[in-house]
Each structure stands twice: as structure tokens, then as C-alpha cells.
Amino acid sequence: MAHGGAQEYRDDYELVLRRESVHPNDIWQADHTELDIMVLDETGRPVRPWLTVILDDRSRAIAGYTVFAGWVKSAAASPDGRAGGVKCSCGGRGWVGPRSA
């Protein structure tokens, strides 16, 4: 590390692959987490809701999000079962991700 500095060391040995976008909307990142609050579902049972967020990699702007009660089955499936996208609040589009016609 002494020869090339911290940046060169990270580039050579860091285990995480980092992608950097050049322009806004080149890369979007998505993640979801179970929130630390309890709400009542449609049957009146207390549950912890999930938050899913779509983030633009370059601008760090939130491109979309959704909050729902239930369980996340897969990162590739949205809460309503469609693959490759997430129903969300995203500037009126209502959908983020690939979609069949």
C-alpha cells in the first residue's frame, strides 16, 4: 500500500466490484429491507412492511420506491409477481424495469 497509495490498493485487492456510471440513468440500483415498524395488514394482523428503493447510480436520486406488507420472494420478481421490475412511485410511470408489451 505504501507504493501506490490507498486508491491503488483498493483497486487491486478490494473484494467488491464497483461500477461507476458516466451519465444519469446509465445504472440503477435496487435494494429492499424489512422496516422496523409494525402496521396492520388487510386482515388486521400486525406485520413489518418492506421498503424497496430504486436509486440512480450517478446522481444518487431516488428513481422509485414502494412500501408493501408481505414477503420478498426474489430480487428478480416484483411484489405482484412480475419478473424484472418493481411497481413503484416513480414520476407517474408506475413501473421500473423491463416489461412485456
C-alpha atoms as a PDB file:
ATOM      1  CA  MET A   1       0.000   0.000   0.000  1.00  0.00           C
ATOM      2  CA  ALA A   2       2.900   2.360   0.634  1.00  0.00           C
ATOM      3  CA  HIS A   3       3.976   2.426  -3.012  1.00  0.00           C
ATOM      4  CA  GLY A   4       0.739   3.144  -4.839  1.00  0.00           C
ATOM      5  CA  GLY A   5      -1.448   4.612  -2.153  1.00  0.00           C
ATOM      6  CA  ALA A   6      -4.829   3.634  -0.791  1.00  0.00           C
ATOM      7  CA  GLN A   7      -6.700   4.005  -4.124  1.00  0.00           C
ATOM      8  CA  GLU A   8      -4.357   1.646  -5.978  1.00  0.00           C
ATOM      9  CA  TYR A   9      -4.540  -0.874  -3.122  1.00  0.00           C
ATOM     10  CA  ARG A  10      -8.371  -0.809  -3.218  1.00  0.00           C
ATOM     11  CA  ASP A  11      -8.380  -1.207  -6.998  1.00  0.00           C
ATOM     12  CA  ASP A  12      -6.106  -4.273  -6.780  1.00  0.00           C
ATOM     13  CA  TYR A  13      -7.386  -6.051  -3.668  1.00  0.00           C
ATOM     14  CA  GLU A  14     -10.912  -4.973  -2.768  1.00  0.00           C
ATOM     15  CA  LEU A  15     -13.393  -7.833  -2.988  1.00  0.00           C
ATOM     16  CA  VAL A  16     -16.346  -5.691  -4.043  1.00  0.00           C
ATOM     17  CA  LEU A  17     -16.794  -4.941  -7.751  1.00  0.00           C
ATOM     18  CA  ARG A  18     -17.686  -1.293  -8.127  1.00  0.00           C
ATOM     19  CA  ARG A  19     -19.301   0.015 -11.290  1.00  0.00           C
ATOM     20  CA  GLU A  20     -19.449   3.734 -11.921  1.00  0.00           C
ATOM     21  CA  SER A  21     -21.864   5.248 -14.388  1.00  0.00           C
ATOM     22  CA  VAL A  22     -20.838   8.146 -16.600  1.00  0.00           C
ATOM     23  CA  HIS A  23     -24.333   9.580 -17.144  1.00  0.00           C
ATOM     24  CA  PRO A  24     -27.523   9.689 -15.066  1.00  0.00           C
ATOM     25  CA  ASN A  25     -29.832   6.704 -15.695  1.00  0.00           C
ATOM     26  CA  ASP A  26     -26.979   4.516 -17.019  1.00  0.00           C
ATOM     27  CA  ILE A  27     -27.194   2.256 -13.953  1.00  0.00           C
ATOM     28  CA  TRP A  28     -29.974   1.950 -11.402  1.00  0.00           C
ATOM     29  CA  GLN A  29     -29.527   0.061  -8.158  1.00  0.00           C
ATOM     30  CA  ALA A  30     -32.343  -1.601  -6.228  1.00  0.00           C
ATOM     31  CA  ASP A  31     -32.470  -2.832  -2.681  1.00  0.00           C
ATOM     32  CA  HIS A  32     -35.131  -3.751  -0.186  1.00  0.00           C
ATOM     33  CA  THR A  33     -35.292  -4.078   3.564  1.00  0.00           C
ATOM     34  CA  GLU A  34     -37.836  -5.002   6.185  1.00  0.00           C
ATOM     35  CA  LEU A  35     -38.741  -1.896   8.198  1.00  0.00           C
ATOM     36  CA  ASP A  36     -38.563  -1.764  11.998  1.00  0.00           C
ATOM     37  CA  ILE A  37     -42.195  -0.731  12.418  1.00  0.00           C
ATOM     38  CA  MET A  38     -45.410  -2.679  12.736  1.00  0.00           C
ATOM     39  CA  VAL A  39     -48.527  -1.986  10.634  1.00  0.00           C
ATOM     40  CA  LEU A  40     -51.817  -3.826  10.256  1.00  0.00           C
ATOM     41  CA  ASP A  41     -52.252  -5.834   7.063  1.00  0.00           C
ATOM     42  CA  GLU A  42     -55.577  -6.209   5.234  1.00  0.00           C
ATOM     43  CA  THR A  43     -56.692  -8.882   7.742  1.00  0.00           C
ATOM     44  CA  GLY A  44     -55.857  -6.721  10.777  1.00  0.00           C
ATOM     45  CA  ARG A  45     -52.778  -8.759  11.689  1.00  0.00           C
ATOM     46  CA  PRO A  46     -49.620  -6.790  12.722  1.00  0.00           C
ATOM     47  CA  VAL A  47     -46.783  -7.177  10.196  1.00  0.00           C
ATOM     48  CA  ARG A  48     -43.483  -5.480   9.384  1.00  0.00           C
ATOM     49  CA  PRO A  49     -43.635  -3.792   5.936  1.00  0.00           C
ATOM     50  CA  TRP A  50     -40.903  -3.927   3.300  1.00  0.00           C
ATOM     51  CA  LEU A  51     -39.326  -0.914   1.585  1.00  0.00           C
ATOM     52  CA  THR A  52     -37.878  -1.302  -1.912  1.00  0.00           C
ATOM     53  CA  VAL A  53     -35.922   1.636  -3.390  1.00  0.00           C
ATOM     54  CA  ILE A  54     -34.584   2.187  -6.924  1.00  0.00           C
ATOM     55  CA  LEU A  55     -31.592   4.570  -6.919  1.00  0.00           C
ATOM     56  CA  ASP A  56     -29.811   6.241  -9.862  1.00  0.00           C
ATOM     57  CA  ASP A  57     -26.132   5.380  -9.522  1.00  0.00           C
ATOM     58  CA  ARG A  58     -24.720   8.641 -10.927  1.00  0.00           C
ATOM     59  CA  SER A  59     -26.990  11.301  -9.397  1.00  0.00           C
ATOM     60  CA  ARG A  60     -27.956   9.237  -6.300  1.00  0.00           C
ATOM     61  CA  ALA A  61     -31.547  10.380  -6.937  1.00  0.00           C
ATOM     62  CA  ILE A  62     -34.377   8.052  -5.946  1.00  0.00           C
ATOM     63  CA  ALA A  63     -35.938   6.859  -9.200  1.00  0.00           C
ATOM     64  CA  GLY A  64     -38.691   4.904  -7.469  1.00  0.00           C
ATOM     65  CA  TYR A  65     -39.829   3.187  -4.322  1.00  0.00           C
ATOM     66  CA  THR A  66     -42.575   1.004  -2.924  1.00  0.00           C
ATOM     67  CA  VAL A  67     -43.691   0.012   0.570  1.00  0.00           C
ATOM     68  CA  PHE A  68     -45.668  -3.190   0.967  1.00  0.00           C
ATOM     69  CA  ALA A  69     -46.689  -5.745   3.559  1.00  0.00           C
ATOM     70  CA  GLY A  70     -45.659  -9.264   2.730  1.00  0.00           C
ATOM     71  CA  TRP A  71     -42.532 -11.192   1.994  1.00  0.00           C
ATOM     72  CA  VAL A  72     -39.979 -10.514  -0.754  1.00  0.00           C
ATOM     73  CA  LYS A  73     -39.843 -13.754  -2.741  1.00  0.00           C
ATOM     74  CA  SER A  74     -36.987 -12.846  -5.073  1.00  0.00           C
ATOM     75  CA  ALA A  75     -34.879  -9.896  -6.143  1.00  0.00           C
ATOM     76  CA  ALA A  76     -35.959 -10.668  -9.723  1.00  0.00           C
ATOM     77  CA  ALA A  77     -39.696 -10.573  -9.014  1.00  0.00           C
ATOM     78  CA  SER A  78     -41.805  -7.604  -8.069  1.00  0.00           C
ATOM     79  CA  PRO A  79     -44.368  -7.739  -5.230  1.00  0.00           C
ATOM     80  CA  ASP A  80     -47.162  -8.612  -7.681  1.00  0.00           C
ATOM     81  CA  GLY A  81     -45.157 -11.469  -9.213  1.00  0.00           C
ATOM     82  CA  ARG A  82     -43.972  -9.825 -12.430  1.00  0.00           C
ATOM     83  CA  ALA A  83     -40.319 -10.569 -13.138  1.00  0.00           C
ATOM     84  CA  GLY A  84     -37.767  -7.881 -13.858  1.00  0.00           C
ATOM     85  CA  GLY A  85     -39.454  -4.846 -12.358  1.00  0.00           C
ATOM     86  CA  VAL A  86     -40.961  -3.219  -9.323  1.00  0.00           C
ATOM     87  CA  LYS A  87     -44.300  -1.411  -9.174  1.00  0.00           C
ATOM     88  CA  CYS A  88     -43.435   1.858  -7.531  1.00  0.00           C
ATOM     89  CA  SER A  89     -43.914   5.576  -7.222  1.00  0.00           C
ATOM     90  CA  CYS A  90     -41.582   6.851  -9.917  1.00  0.00           C
ATOM     91  CA  GLY A  91     -42.651  10.069 -11.555  1.00  0.00           C
ATOM     92  CA  GLY A  92     -46.000   8.803 -12.798  1.00  0.00           C
ATOM     93  CA  ARG A  93     -44.584   5.861 -14.755  1.00  0.00           C
ATOM     94  CA  GLY A  94     -45.725   3.380 -12.119  1.00  0.00           C
ATOM     95  CA  TRP A  95     -43.231   0.724 -13.192  1.00  0.00           C
ATOM     96  CA  VAL A  96     -39.458   0.345 -13.127  1.00  0.00           C
ATOM     97  CA  GLY A  97     -37.750  -2.381 -15.135  1.00  0.00           C
ATOM     98  CA  PRO A  98     -38.298  -4.404 -18.301  1.00  0.00           C
ATOM     99  CA  ARG A  99     -41.878  -5.005 -19.250  1.00  0.00           C
ATOM    100  CA  SER A 100     -43.509  -7.067 -21.961  1.00  0.00           C
ATOM    101  CA  ALA A 101     -45.915  -5.277 -24.285  1.00  0.00           C
END
